[in-house]
Amino acid sequence: FYWQAAGGAVLCLAGALATAWLLGVQHW
């Protein structure tokens, strides 16, 4: 269903942002 696909995309994007943020924090 559309909302399931959208939810999966949001979770994937959130995971990518969280990973990038953590890498940015570790870079400091």
Protein backbone atom coordinates (compact mmCIF):
# COMPACT_ATOMS: atom_id res chain seq x y z
CA PHE A 1 0.00 0.00 0.00
CA TYR A 2 1.03 3.60 -0.53
CA TRP A 3 1.29 4.52 3.13
CA GLN A 4 3.45 1.48 3.83
CA ALA A 5 5.83 2.44 1.02
CA ALA A 6 5.88 6.04 2.24
CA GLY A 7 6.54 4.89 5.82
CA GLY A 8 9.42 2.71 4.65
CA ALA A 9 10.92 5.59 2.68
CA VAL A 10 10.62 7.91 5.70
CA LEU A 11 12.28 5.34 7.97
CA CYS A 12 15.08 4.82 5.46
CA LEU A 13 15.59 8.58 5.12
CA ALA A 14 15.50 9.04 8.89
CA GLY A 15 18.10 6.29 9.28
CA ALA A 16 20.34 7.92 6.68
CA LEU A 17 20.01 11.33 8.37
CA ALA A 18 20.72 9.82 11.79
CA THR A 19 23.80 8.04 10.42
CA ALA A 20 25.06 11.22 8.74
CA TRP A 21 24.43 13.18 11.96
CA LEU A 22 26.30 10.63 14.07
CA LEU A 23 29.21 10.65 11.62
CA GLY A 24 29.20 14.45 11.74
CA VAL A 25 29.27 14.42 15.54
CA GLN A 26 32.14 11.93 15.57
CA HIS A 27 34.00 14.08 13.06
CA TRP A 28 34.10 17.01 15.49
